[in-house]
N, C-alpha and C. Protein backbone atom coordinates (compact mmCIF):
# COMPACT_ATOMS: atom_id res chain seq x y z
N MET A 1 40.51 -17.00 -0.79
CA MET A 1 39.90 -15.77 -0.32
C MET A 1 40.57 -15.37 0.99
N SER A 2 40.89 -14.13 1.17
CA SER A 2 41.62 -13.69 2.36
C SER A 2 40.70 -13.60 3.57
N ASN A 3 41.32 -13.55 4.75
CA ASN A 3 40.55 -13.41 5.99
C ASN A 3 39.83 -12.08 6.05
N LEU A 4 40.45 -11.05 5.50
CA LEU A 4 39.83 -9.73 5.47
C LEU A 4 38.54 -9.76 4.64
N SER A 5 38.58 -10.47 3.52
CA SER A 5 37.41 -10.60 2.67
C SER A 5 36.31 -11.38 3.38
N LEU A 6 36.69 -12.45 4.09
CA LEU A 6 35.70 -13.23 4.83
C LEU A 6 35.07 -12.40 5.94
N THR A 7 35.89 -11.65 6.64
CA THR A 7 35.39 -10.79 7.71
C THR A 7 34.46 -9.73 7.15
N SER A 8 34.83 -9.16 6.03
CA SER A 8 33.99 -8.15 5.38
C SER A 8 32.66 -8.75 4.95
N ASN A 9 32.71 -9.97 4.38
CA ASN A 9 31.48 -10.64 3.97
C ASN A 9 30.58 -10.95 5.16
N GLU A 10 31.20 -11.40 6.26
CA GLU A 10 30.41 -11.70 7.47
C GLU A 10 29.77 -10.43 8.02
N SER A 11 30.51 -9.34 7.98
CA SER A 11 29.98 -8.06 8.44
C SER A 11 28.80 -7.62 7.56
N THR A 12 28.97 -7.73 6.26
CA THR A 12 27.90 -7.35 5.33
C THR A 12 26.70 -8.28 5.50
N LYS A 13 26.97 -9.54 5.72
CA LYS A 13 25.91 -10.52 5.92
C LYS A 13 25.11 -10.17 7.18
N THR A 14 25.80 -9.82 8.24
CA THR A 14 25.13 -9.43 9.49
C THR A 14 24.31 -8.16 9.28
N LYS A 15 24.89 -7.20 8.57
CA LYS A 15 24.16 -5.95 8.28
C LYS A 15 22.91 -6.23 7.45
N LEU A 16 23.03 -7.13 6.49
CA LEU A 16 21.88 -7.49 5.65
C LEU A 16 20.79 -8.13 6.49
N PHE A 17 21.19 -9.04 7.37
CA PHE A 17 20.21 -9.70 8.23
C PHE A 17 19.48 -8.68 9.10
N GLN A 18 20.24 -7.77 9.70
CA GLN A 18 19.63 -6.73 10.54
C GLN A 18 18.71 -5.82 9.71
N LEU A 19 19.13 -5.51 8.52
CA LEU A 19 18.32 -4.68 7.63
C LEU A 19 16.99 -5.37 7.31
N LEU A 20 17.05 -6.66 7.06
CA LEU A 20 15.83 -7.42 6.76
C LEU A 20 14.88 -7.43 7.96
N LEU A 21 15.43 -7.52 9.15
CA LEU A 21 14.59 -7.44 10.35
C LEU A 21 13.93 -6.07 10.47
N GLU A 22 14.70 -5.02 10.19
CA GLU A 22 14.14 -3.66 10.19
C GLU A 22 13.07 -3.50 9.12
N GLU A 23 13.30 -4.13 7.98
CA GLU A 23 12.35 -4.08 6.87
C GLU A 23 11.02 -4.71 7.30
N ILE A 24 11.09 -5.86 7.98
CA ILE A 24 9.88 -6.52 8.47
C ILE A 24 9.15 -5.60 9.44
N HIS A 25 9.88 -4.96 10.32
CA HIS A 25 9.27 -4.04 11.28
C HIS A 25 8.60 -2.89 10.54
N ALA A 26 9.26 -2.34 9.55
CA ALA A 26 8.69 -1.22 8.78
C ALA A 26 7.42 -1.67 8.04
N TYR A 27 7.45 -2.86 7.45
CA TYR A 27 6.26 -3.38 6.77
C TYR A 27 5.11 -3.60 7.75
N SER A 28 5.42 -4.08 8.94
CA SER A 28 4.38 -4.29 9.95
C SER A 28 3.75 -2.96 10.36
N TYR A 29 4.58 -1.96 10.55
CA TYR A 29 4.08 -0.63 10.90
C TYR A 29 3.26 -0.04 9.75
N LEU A 30 3.72 -0.26 8.53
CA LEU A 30 2.99 0.21 7.36
C LEU A 30 1.63 -0.49 7.26
N ALA A 31 1.59 -1.79 7.52
CA ALA A 31 0.33 -2.53 7.48
C ALA A 31 -0.63 -2.00 8.54
N GLU A 32 -0.12 -1.71 9.72
CA GLU A 32 -0.97 -1.16 10.78
C GLU A 32 -1.51 0.22 10.38
N THR A 33 -0.68 1.02 9.74
CA THR A 33 -1.10 2.34 9.27
C THR A 33 -2.20 2.20 8.21
N VAL A 34 -2.02 1.27 7.29
CA VAL A 34 -3.02 1.05 6.23
C VAL A 34 -4.33 0.56 6.84
N LYS A 35 -4.25 -0.28 7.88
CA LYS A 35 -5.44 -0.79 8.57
C LYS A 35 -6.17 0.37 9.26
N GLN A 36 -5.43 1.26 9.92
CA GLN A 36 -6.04 2.43 10.56
C GLN A 36 -6.68 3.33 9.51
N LYS A 37 -6.04 3.44 8.37
CA LYS A 37 -6.59 4.24 7.28
C LYS A 37 -7.91 3.64 6.81
N GLN A 38 -7.99 2.32 6.77
CA GLN A 38 -9.22 1.64 6.39
C GLN A 38 -10.35 2.02 7.35
N GLU A 39 -10.07 2.01 8.63
CA GLU A 39 -11.06 2.39 9.62
C GLU A 39 -11.48 3.85 9.44
N ALA A 40 -10.53 4.71 9.11
CA ALA A 40 -10.85 6.12 8.87
C ALA A 40 -11.73 6.28 7.63
N ILE A 41 -11.48 5.47 6.60
CA ILE A 41 -12.31 5.52 5.39
C ILE A 41 -13.74 5.12 5.74
N ILE A 42 -13.87 4.05 6.50
CA ILE A 42 -15.20 3.57 6.89
C ILE A 42 -15.94 4.62 7.72
N LYS A 43 -15.23 5.29 8.61
CA LYS A 43 -15.84 6.31 9.47
C LYS A 43 -15.91 7.67 8.79
N ASN A 44 -15.39 7.76 7.55
CA ASN A 44 -15.37 9.00 6.78
C ASN A 44 -14.66 10.13 7.55
N ASN A 45 -13.55 9.78 8.18
CA ASN A 45 -12.76 10.75 8.94
C ASN A 45 -11.62 11.24 8.04
N LEU A 46 -11.90 12.33 7.33
CA LEU A 46 -10.95 12.84 6.34
C LEU A 46 -9.63 13.30 6.94
N GLN A 47 -9.69 13.93 8.11
CA GLN A 47 -8.46 14.42 8.74
C GLN A 47 -7.54 13.26 9.11
N THR A 48 -8.11 12.21 9.68
CA THR A 48 -7.31 11.04 10.03
C THR A 48 -6.73 10.39 8.78
N MET A 49 -7.56 10.28 7.72
CA MET A 49 -7.07 9.70 6.46
C MET A 49 -5.90 10.50 5.92
N GLU A 50 -5.99 11.82 5.98
CA GLU A 50 -4.90 12.66 5.48
C GLU A 50 -3.64 12.47 6.31
N ASN A 51 -3.79 12.42 7.63
CA ASN A 51 -2.63 12.22 8.51
C ASN A 51 -1.98 10.86 8.26
N LEU A 52 -2.80 9.83 8.14
CA LEU A 52 -2.27 8.49 7.92
C LEU A 52 -1.63 8.36 6.54
N SER A 53 -2.16 9.08 5.57
CA SER A 53 -1.55 9.07 4.23
C SER A 53 -0.15 9.67 4.29
N GLY A 54 0.03 10.71 5.11
CA GLY A 54 1.36 11.30 5.29
C GLY A 54 2.32 10.32 5.93
N VAL A 55 1.86 9.63 6.96
CA VAL A 55 2.69 8.62 7.62
C VAL A 55 3.04 7.52 6.63
N GLU A 56 2.04 7.12 5.84
CA GLU A 56 2.24 6.08 4.84
C GLU A 56 3.33 6.47 3.84
N ARG A 57 3.28 7.71 3.35
CA ARG A 57 4.30 8.18 2.40
C ARG A 57 5.69 8.14 3.01
N LEU A 58 5.81 8.54 4.26
CA LEU A 58 7.12 8.51 4.94
C LEU A 58 7.63 7.08 5.08
N LEU A 59 6.74 6.17 5.44
CA LEU A 59 7.14 4.77 5.58
C LEU A 59 7.57 4.17 4.25
N VAL A 60 6.85 4.51 3.19
CA VAL A 60 7.22 4.00 1.86
C VAL A 60 8.60 4.52 1.47
N LYS A 61 8.89 5.79 1.74
CA LYS A 61 10.22 6.33 1.44
C LYS A 61 11.29 5.61 2.25
N LYS A 62 10.99 5.33 3.52
CA LYS A 62 11.95 4.61 4.36
C LYS A 62 12.21 3.21 3.80
N VAL A 63 11.16 2.52 3.40
CA VAL A 63 11.31 1.17 2.84
C VAL A 63 12.10 1.22 1.53
N GLU A 64 11.84 2.24 0.71
CA GLU A 64 12.59 2.38 -0.55
C GLU A 64 14.09 2.52 -0.27
N LEU A 65 14.44 3.30 0.75
CA LEU A 65 15.86 3.43 1.12
C LEU A 65 16.42 2.10 1.62
N MET A 66 15.62 1.36 2.37
CA MET A 66 16.06 0.05 2.84
C MET A 66 16.29 -0.90 1.66
N LEU A 67 15.42 -0.85 0.67
CA LEU A 67 15.57 -1.71 -0.49
C LEU A 67 16.84 -1.36 -1.28
N GLN A 68 17.16 -0.08 -1.35
CA GLN A 68 18.40 0.33 -2.01
C GLN A 68 19.61 -0.18 -1.23
N THR A 69 19.54 -0.09 0.08
CA THR A 69 20.63 -0.58 0.92
C THR A 69 20.74 -2.10 0.80
N ARG A 70 19.60 -2.79 0.76
CA ARG A 70 19.60 -4.24 0.58
C ARG A 70 20.30 -4.62 -0.73
N GLU A 71 19.97 -3.88 -1.79
CA GLU A 71 20.59 -4.15 -3.08
C GLU A 71 22.11 -3.95 -3.01
N LYS A 72 22.53 -2.91 -2.30
CA LYS A 72 23.97 -2.65 -2.15
C LYS A 72 24.65 -3.81 -1.43
N TYR A 73 24.05 -4.27 -0.33
CA TYR A 73 24.61 -5.39 0.41
C TYR A 73 24.65 -6.65 -0.44
N LEU A 74 23.57 -6.92 -1.16
CA LEU A 74 23.54 -8.11 -2.02
C LEU A 74 24.59 -8.03 -3.11
N ASN A 75 24.78 -6.84 -3.63
CA ASN A 75 25.81 -6.64 -4.66
C ASN A 75 27.19 -6.98 -4.09
N GLU A 76 27.46 -6.52 -2.87
CA GLU A 76 28.74 -6.82 -2.22
C GLU A 76 28.90 -8.32 -1.99
N LEU A 77 27.84 -8.96 -1.52
CA LEU A 77 27.92 -10.38 -1.18
C LEU A 77 27.97 -11.28 -2.40
N LEU A 78 27.28 -10.90 -3.46
CA LEU A 78 27.23 -11.73 -4.66
C LEU A 78 28.35 -11.41 -5.65
N SER A 79 29.04 -10.31 -5.44
CA SER A 79 30.11 -9.93 -6.38
C SER A 79 31.28 -10.90 -6.32
N ASN A 80 31.44 -11.60 -5.21
CA ASN A 80 32.55 -12.54 -5.06
C ASN A 80 32.25 -13.90 -5.68
N THR A 81 31.02 -14.10 -6.09
CA THR A 81 30.70 -15.39 -6.72
C THR A 81 31.02 -15.32 -8.20
N ASN A 82 31.31 -16.46 -8.76
CA ASN A 82 31.62 -16.51 -10.19
C ASN A 82 30.36 -16.58 -11.04
N LEU A 83 29.24 -16.81 -10.39
CA LEU A 83 27.98 -16.92 -11.12
C LEU A 83 27.41 -15.54 -11.44
N ASP A 84 26.71 -15.46 -12.53
CA ASP A 84 26.06 -14.21 -12.91
C ASP A 84 24.62 -14.25 -12.38
N LEU A 85 24.46 -13.94 -11.11
CA LEU A 85 23.16 -14.05 -10.45
C LEU A 85 22.47 -12.69 -10.37
N PRO A 86 21.14 -12.68 -10.42
CA PRO A 86 20.43 -11.42 -10.22
C PRO A 86 20.56 -10.97 -8.77
N LEU A 87 20.50 -9.67 -8.57
CA LEU A 87 20.64 -9.13 -7.22
C LEU A 87 19.33 -9.30 -6.46
N GLN A 88 19.05 -10.51 -6.06
CA GLN A 88 17.85 -10.82 -5.31
C GLN A 88 18.22 -11.58 -4.06
N LEU A 89 17.38 -11.44 -3.05
CA LEU A 89 17.63 -12.13 -1.79
C LEU A 89 17.66 -13.64 -2.01
N ASN A 90 16.78 -14.12 -2.84
CA ASN A 90 16.71 -15.56 -3.12
C ASN A 90 18.04 -16.07 -3.69
N SER A 91 18.65 -15.30 -4.57
CA SER A 91 19.94 -15.69 -5.15
C SER A 91 21.00 -15.82 -4.07
N TYR A 92 20.99 -14.90 -3.12
CA TYR A 92 21.97 -14.95 -2.04
C TYR A 92 21.72 -16.15 -1.13
N ILE A 93 20.45 -16.38 -0.79
CA ILE A 93 20.11 -17.48 0.11
C ILE A 93 20.56 -18.82 -0.48
N GLU A 94 20.41 -18.96 -1.78
CA GLU A 94 20.83 -20.21 -2.43
C GLU A 94 22.34 -20.43 -2.34
N GLN A 95 23.10 -19.37 -2.16
CA GLN A 95 24.55 -19.48 -2.06
C GLN A 95 25.01 -19.82 -0.64
N LEU A 96 24.11 -19.70 0.33
CA LEU A 96 24.47 -19.95 1.72
C LEU A 96 24.57 -21.45 2.00
N PRO A 97 25.32 -21.83 3.04
CA PRO A 97 25.33 -23.24 3.46
C PRO A 97 23.91 -23.66 3.87
N LEU A 98 23.58 -24.92 3.68
CA LEU A 98 22.24 -25.42 3.96
C LEU A 98 21.77 -25.13 5.38
N LYS A 99 22.67 -25.22 6.34
CA LYS A 99 22.27 -24.99 7.74
C LYS A 99 21.81 -23.55 7.99
N GLU A 100 22.24 -22.61 7.17
CA GLU A 100 21.83 -21.21 7.33
C GLU A 100 20.61 -20.85 6.50
N GLN A 101 20.34 -21.61 5.46
CA GLN A 101 19.27 -21.26 4.53
C GLN A 101 17.90 -21.19 5.20
N ALA A 102 17.63 -22.09 6.15
CA ALA A 102 16.30 -22.12 6.79
C ALA A 102 16.00 -20.81 7.51
N ARG A 103 16.99 -20.29 8.23
CA ARG A 103 16.80 -19.04 8.97
C ARG A 103 16.56 -17.87 8.01
N TRP A 104 17.30 -17.83 6.93
CA TRP A 104 17.15 -16.76 5.95
C TRP A 104 15.83 -16.89 5.17
N ARG A 105 15.45 -18.13 4.85
CA ARG A 105 14.18 -18.35 4.14
C ARG A 105 13.00 -17.93 5.02
N SER A 106 13.10 -18.19 6.30
CA SER A 106 12.06 -17.77 7.23
C SER A 106 11.90 -16.25 7.21
N LEU A 107 13.02 -15.56 7.20
CA LEU A 107 13.01 -14.10 7.12
C LEU A 107 12.38 -13.63 5.81
N GLN A 108 12.76 -14.29 4.73
CA GLN A 108 12.22 -13.94 3.41
C GLN A 108 10.70 -14.17 3.38
N GLN A 109 10.22 -15.24 3.98
CA GLN A 109 8.79 -15.53 4.01
C GLN A 109 8.04 -14.51 4.85
N ARG A 110 8.63 -14.08 5.95
CA ARG A 110 8.00 -13.05 6.79
C ARG A 110 7.85 -11.75 6.00
N ILE A 111 8.86 -11.42 5.22
CA ILE A 111 8.78 -10.22 4.39
C ILE A 111 7.68 -10.38 3.34
N SER A 112 7.63 -11.53 2.70
CA SER A 112 6.60 -11.77 1.68
C SER A 112 5.19 -11.69 2.27
N ARG A 113 5.01 -12.28 3.44
CA ARG A 113 3.68 -12.22 4.09
C ARG A 113 3.30 -10.78 4.44
N ALA A 114 4.26 -10.02 4.93
CA ALA A 114 3.99 -8.63 5.29
C ALA A 114 3.61 -7.80 4.06
N VAL A 115 4.34 -8.00 2.97
CA VAL A 115 4.04 -7.27 1.73
C VAL A 115 2.67 -7.69 1.18
N ASP A 116 2.37 -8.99 1.25
CA ASP A 116 1.06 -9.47 0.78
C ASP A 116 -0.07 -8.87 1.60
N LYS A 117 0.13 -8.75 2.90
CA LYS A 117 -0.89 -8.15 3.77
C LYS A 117 -1.13 -6.69 3.40
N ILE A 118 -0.06 -5.97 3.13
CA ILE A 118 -0.20 -4.56 2.74
C ILE A 118 -0.94 -4.45 1.41
N ARG A 119 -0.60 -5.32 0.46
CA ARG A 119 -1.29 -5.31 -0.83
C ARG A 119 -2.79 -5.57 -0.65
N ARG A 120 -3.12 -6.57 0.19
CA ARG A 120 -4.53 -6.91 0.42
C ARG A 120 -5.27 -5.73 1.05
N LEU A 121 -4.67 -5.13 2.06
CA LEU A 121 -5.30 -3.99 2.73
C LEU A 121 -5.47 -2.81 1.77
N ASN A 122 -4.47 -2.58 0.93
CA ASN A 122 -4.58 -1.49 -0.05
C ASN A 122 -5.70 -1.75 -1.05
N ARG A 123 -5.84 -3.00 -1.50
CA ARG A 123 -6.95 -3.35 -2.41
C ARG A 123 -8.29 -3.12 -1.73
N GLU A 124 -8.39 -3.53 -0.47
CA GLU A 124 -9.64 -3.32 0.28
C GLU A 124 -9.94 -1.83 0.41
N ASN A 125 -8.93 -1.04 0.73
CA ASN A 125 -9.12 0.40 0.85
C ASN A 125 -9.55 1.01 -0.48
N GLN A 126 -8.94 0.55 -1.55
CA GLN A 126 -9.30 1.04 -2.87
C GLN A 126 -10.77 0.71 -3.16
N GLN A 127 -11.21 -0.49 -2.81
CA GLN A 127 -12.60 -0.87 -3.03
C GLN A 127 -13.54 -0.04 -2.17
N LEU A 128 -13.16 0.24 -0.93
CA LEU A 128 -13.98 1.08 -0.06
C LEU A 128 -14.13 2.49 -0.63
N VAL A 129 -13.02 3.05 -1.09
CA VAL A 129 -13.07 4.40 -1.67
C VAL A 129 -13.92 4.40 -2.94
N GLN A 130 -13.75 3.37 -3.78
CA GLN A 130 -14.54 3.28 -5.01
C GLN A 130 -16.03 3.15 -4.70
N SER A 131 -16.37 2.35 -3.70
CA SER A 131 -17.78 2.21 -3.31
C SER A 131 -18.34 3.53 -2.82
N SER A 132 -17.55 4.26 -2.04
CA SER A 132 -18.00 5.57 -1.56
C SER A 132 -18.22 6.54 -2.71
N LEU A 133 -17.31 6.53 -3.67
CA LEU A 133 -17.47 7.40 -4.83
C LEU A 133 -18.70 7.03 -5.65
N ASN A 134 -18.93 5.74 -5.83
CA ASN A 134 -20.12 5.29 -6.57
C ASN A 134 -21.39 5.71 -5.85
N TYR A 135 -21.40 5.62 -4.53
CA TYR A 135 -22.57 6.04 -3.76
C TYR A 135 -22.83 7.53 -3.93
N VAL A 136 -21.77 8.32 -3.81
CA VAL A 136 -21.92 9.77 -3.95
C VAL A 136 -22.40 10.13 -5.36
N ARG A 137 -21.84 9.49 -6.37
CA ARG A 137 -22.30 9.74 -7.75
C ARG A 137 -23.78 9.40 -7.90
N GLY A 138 -24.19 8.28 -7.32
CA GLY A 138 -25.59 7.87 -7.40
C GLY A 138 -26.51 8.87 -6.74
N VAL A 139 -26.11 9.38 -5.60
CA VAL A 139 -26.92 10.38 -4.89
C VAL A 139 -27.00 11.66 -5.71
N ILE A 140 -25.88 12.07 -6.26
CA ILE A 140 -25.87 13.29 -7.08
C ILE A 140 -26.77 13.12 -8.29
N GLU A 141 -26.66 12.00 -8.96
CA GLU A 141 -27.50 11.76 -10.14
C GLU A 141 -28.97 11.72 -9.78
N MET A 142 -29.29 11.13 -8.63
CA MET A 142 -30.67 11.05 -8.21
C MET A 142 -31.22 12.43 -7.87
N LEU A 143 -30.44 13.20 -7.14
CA LEU A 143 -30.92 14.52 -6.70
C LEU A 143 -30.93 15.57 -7.80
N TYR A 144 -30.00 15.49 -8.68
CA TYR A 144 -29.87 16.54 -9.69
C TYR A 144 -30.22 16.08 -11.10
N ALA A 145 -30.50 14.82 -11.28
CA ALA A 145 -30.91 14.28 -12.57
C ALA A 145 -30.07 14.85 -13.71
N ILE A 146 -28.78 14.64 -13.61
CA ILE A 146 -27.86 15.13 -14.62
C ILE A 146 -28.14 14.44 -15.95
N ASP A 147 -28.10 15.17 -17.03
CA ASP A 147 -28.32 14.66 -18.38
C ASP A 147 -29.74 14.14 -18.60
N GLN A 148 -30.68 14.55 -17.80
CA GLN A 148 -32.06 14.13 -17.99
C GLN A 148 -32.95 15.35 -17.90
N GLU A 149 -34.15 15.22 -18.47
CA GLU A 149 -35.13 16.30 -18.35
C GLU A 149 -35.58 16.34 -16.90
N ASN A 150 -35.63 17.53 -16.32
CA ASN A 150 -35.99 17.67 -14.92
C ASN A 150 -37.50 17.69 -14.75
N VAL A 151 -37.96 17.02 -13.70
CA VAL A 151 -39.38 16.97 -13.38
C VAL A 151 -39.56 17.59 -12.01
N LEU A 152 -40.45 18.58 -11.94
CA LEU A 152 -40.81 19.21 -10.67
C LEU A 152 -42.20 18.74 -10.31
N TYR A 153 -42.44 18.62 -9.03
CA TYR A 153 -43.78 18.24 -8.56
C TYR A 153 -44.38 19.45 -7.88
N THR A 154 -45.55 19.83 -8.33
CA THR A 154 -46.23 21.00 -7.78
C THR A 154 -46.95 20.60 -6.50
N SER A 155 -47.55 21.60 -5.82
CA SER A 155 -48.24 21.32 -4.56
C SER A 155 -49.45 20.42 -4.77
N SER A 156 -50.01 20.39 -5.96
CA SER A 156 -51.16 19.52 -6.23
C SER A 156 -50.71 18.13 -6.68
N GLY A 157 -49.42 17.89 -6.74
CA GLY A 157 -48.90 16.58 -7.10
C GLY A 157 -48.74 16.38 -8.60
N GLN A 158 -48.92 17.43 -9.37
CA GLN A 158 -48.78 17.34 -10.81
C GLN A 158 -47.31 17.46 -11.20
N GLU A 159 -46.96 16.73 -12.26
CA GLU A 159 -45.60 16.84 -12.78
C GLU A 159 -45.49 18.07 -13.65
N LYS A 160 -44.39 18.75 -13.53
CA LYS A 160 -44.12 19.91 -14.36
C LYS A 160 -42.72 19.73 -14.91
N LYS A 161 -42.59 19.49 -16.22
CA LYS A 161 -41.28 19.28 -16.83
C LYS A 161 -40.62 20.62 -17.08
N THR A 162 -39.33 20.64 -16.78
CA THR A 162 -38.60 21.89 -16.96
C THR A 162 -37.14 21.56 -17.24
N THR A 163 -36.47 22.49 -17.84
CA THR A 163 -35.04 22.36 -18.03
C THR A 163 -34.31 23.48 -17.30
N ALA A 164 -35.08 24.31 -16.58
CA ALA A 164 -34.49 25.48 -15.93
C ALA A 164 -33.66 25.12 -14.70
N GLY A 165 -34.17 24.24 -13.85
CA GLY A 165 -33.45 23.95 -12.61
C GLY A 165 -33.10 22.48 -12.54
N LYS A 166 -32.42 22.17 -11.51
CA LYS A 166 -32.04 20.77 -11.32
C LYS A 166 -32.58 20.30 -9.96
N GLN A 167 -33.83 20.63 -9.67
CA GLN A 167 -34.43 20.26 -8.41
C GLN A 167 -35.36 19.05 -8.60
N VAL A 168 -35.54 18.31 -7.54
CA VAL A 168 -36.48 17.21 -7.55
C VAL A 168 -37.84 17.72 -7.12
N VAL A 169 -37.88 18.58 -6.14
CA VAL A 169 -39.15 19.13 -5.63
C VAL A 169 -39.09 20.65 -5.75
N ASN A 170 -40.19 21.24 -6.21
CA ASN A 170 -40.27 22.69 -6.31
C ASN A 170 -40.78 23.23 -4.98
N TYR A 171 -39.91 23.82 -4.21
CA TYR A 171 -40.29 24.33 -2.90
C TYR A 171 -40.97 25.68 -3.00
N ASN A 172 -40.97 26.32 -4.16
CA ASN A 172 -41.56 27.64 -4.32
C ASN A 172 -43.05 27.58 -4.61
N VAL A 173 -43.63 26.42 -4.82
CA VAL A 173 -45.03 26.32 -5.18
C VAL A 173 -45.89 26.24 -3.95
């Protein structure tokens, strides 16, 4: 292998390492955004949720571009091997000398932990939103008795069955 090829590989390797550090930073920022969104869901702050959703979309697009760049770097680095390896970070790490693998594995684990944290927070947010929707549906069903015969209570406390309105109490009596 020529010196030019080795220099090119080292340059690509350095770029990949820097990209992975940027990826970790982006995931950390995304996790913080998702956490803030969770607080906005709990406080029912729709404007904040909308703003954070916009930030979230931008961060996801940025990470997608980073993943494409990562794939390009891995393709360059693994193309010189005779093995038919998948374009994954793990495949590249296995090709490194043992003394370098620990540092790269640490980076890979930090990425995995960050992604797992985002997944957990997203699941929690999904559950919060689902609980809120279930609560609202329950209130609507209670107040409007959808799909049921409506019962009005008169001023004397008598039940009056009707299908005309969807009120719980007849305020006109």
